[in-house]
Amino acid sequence: MTEPEDFSIINEIDRLTSRQPFVPFAIVMASGREYDVTSDVSVATGTSTISLFRLKGASFVLHRAQISEIVMDREPL
């Protein structure tokens, strides 16, 4: 049994944020905008949104349905 795409993306984000050691990644939206998830970002996943909280700076609420991909193994932007 496979999961709907939006649930597998959320599961992948949960897995990546709890990975030890932490490896930065980026969440790419359908619009092309990218959000880097680094060690200074806290992530909270919900049923329809993902919240990114930076230790210093802005916070973002991303809608699951608008996430197009997760990019790993690169330097933060």
Protein backbone atom coordinates (compact mmCIF):
# COMPACT_ATOMS: atom_id res chain seq x y z
CA MET A 1 0.00 0.00 0.00
CA THR A 2 1.44 3.37 -1.00
CA GLU A 3 0.90 6.68 0.66
CA PRO A 4 -0.52 9.73 -1.08
CA GLU A 5 2.29 12.01 -2.28
CA ASP A 6 1.63 14.75 0.28
CA PHE A 7 1.91 12.31 3.18
CA SER A 8 5.16 10.83 1.89
CA ILE A 9 6.64 14.33 1.61
CA ILE A 10 5.68 15.08 5.22
CA ASN A 11 7.13 11.75 6.36
CA GLU A 12 10.36 12.52 4.50
CA ILE A 13 10.61 15.97 6.11
CA ASP A 14 10.04 14.42 9.55
CA ARG A 15 12.74 11.83 8.83
CA LEU A 16 15.23 14.43 7.62
CA THR A 17 14.71 16.80 10.55
CA SER A 18 15.34 14.02 13.08
CA ARG A 19 18.39 12.61 11.26
CA GLN A 20 21.60 12.44 13.29
CA PRO A 21 23.86 14.03 12.34
CA PHE A 22 21.59 16.65 10.83
CA VAL A 23 22.12 17.29 7.11
CA PRO A 24 20.71 20.54 5.65
CA PHE A 25 18.10 20.29 2.91
CA ALA A 26 15.77 22.57 0.98
CA ILE A 27 12.03 22.47 0.45
CA VAL A 28 11.11 23.54 -3.08
CA MET A 29 7.63 24.92 -3.70
CA ALA A 30 5.58 24.64 -6.90
CA SER A 31 6.29 28.36 -7.47
CA GLY A 32 10.02 27.61 -7.54
CA ARG A 33 10.71 29.33 -4.23
CA GLU A 34 13.09 27.40 -1.99
CA TYR A 35 13.29 27.27 1.80
CA ASP A 36 16.55 26.06 3.30
CA VAL A 37 16.22 23.90 6.38
CA THR A 38 19.46 24.27 8.30
CA SER A 39 20.49 23.62 11.86
CA ASP A 40 19.09 27.01 12.90
CA VAL A 41 15.56 26.19 11.68
CA SER A 42 12.88 24.39 13.68
CA VAL A 43 10.26 22.51 11.69
CA ALA A 44 6.72 21.62 12.76
CA THR A 45 4.58 19.44 10.52
CA GLY A 46 0.80 19.50 10.63
CA THR A 47 -2.04 17.96 8.69
CA SER A 48 -1.98 20.55 5.90
CA THR A 49 0.98 22.83 6.62
CA ILE A 50 4.64 22.83 7.53
CA SER A 51 5.94 25.64 9.70
CA LEU A 52 9.56 26.77 9.56
CA PHE A 53 10.83 28.82 12.49
CA ARG A 54 14.23 30.48 12.20
CA LEU A 55 16.15 31.22 15.38
CA LYS A 56 16.80 34.72 14.05
CA GLY A 57 14.43 36.11 11.46
CA ALA A 58 11.19 35.27 9.75
CA SER A 59 8.94 32.25 10.08
CA PHE A 60 7.12 30.59 7.20
CA VAL A 61 4.02 28.44 6.83
CA LEU A 62 4.15 26.18 3.78
CA HIS A 63 1.14 24.34 2.41
CA ARG A 64 1.85 20.65 1.81
CA ALA A 65 0.02 20.59 -1.51
CA GLN A 66 2.40 23.25 -2.87
CA ILE A 67 5.63 21.38 -2.10
CA SER A 68 7.15 20.04 -5.29
CA GLU A 69 10.36 18.46 -4.02
CA ILE A 70 12.99 18.15 -1.33
CA VAL A 71 16.60 18.80 -2.33
CA MET A 72 19.44 17.33 -0.28
CA ASP A 73 23.20 17.20 -0.35
CA ARG A 74 24.01 20.76 -1.29
CA GLU A 75 25.26 23.90 0.36
CA PRO A 76 22.54 26.18 1.82
CA LEU A 77 21.59 29.13 -0.38
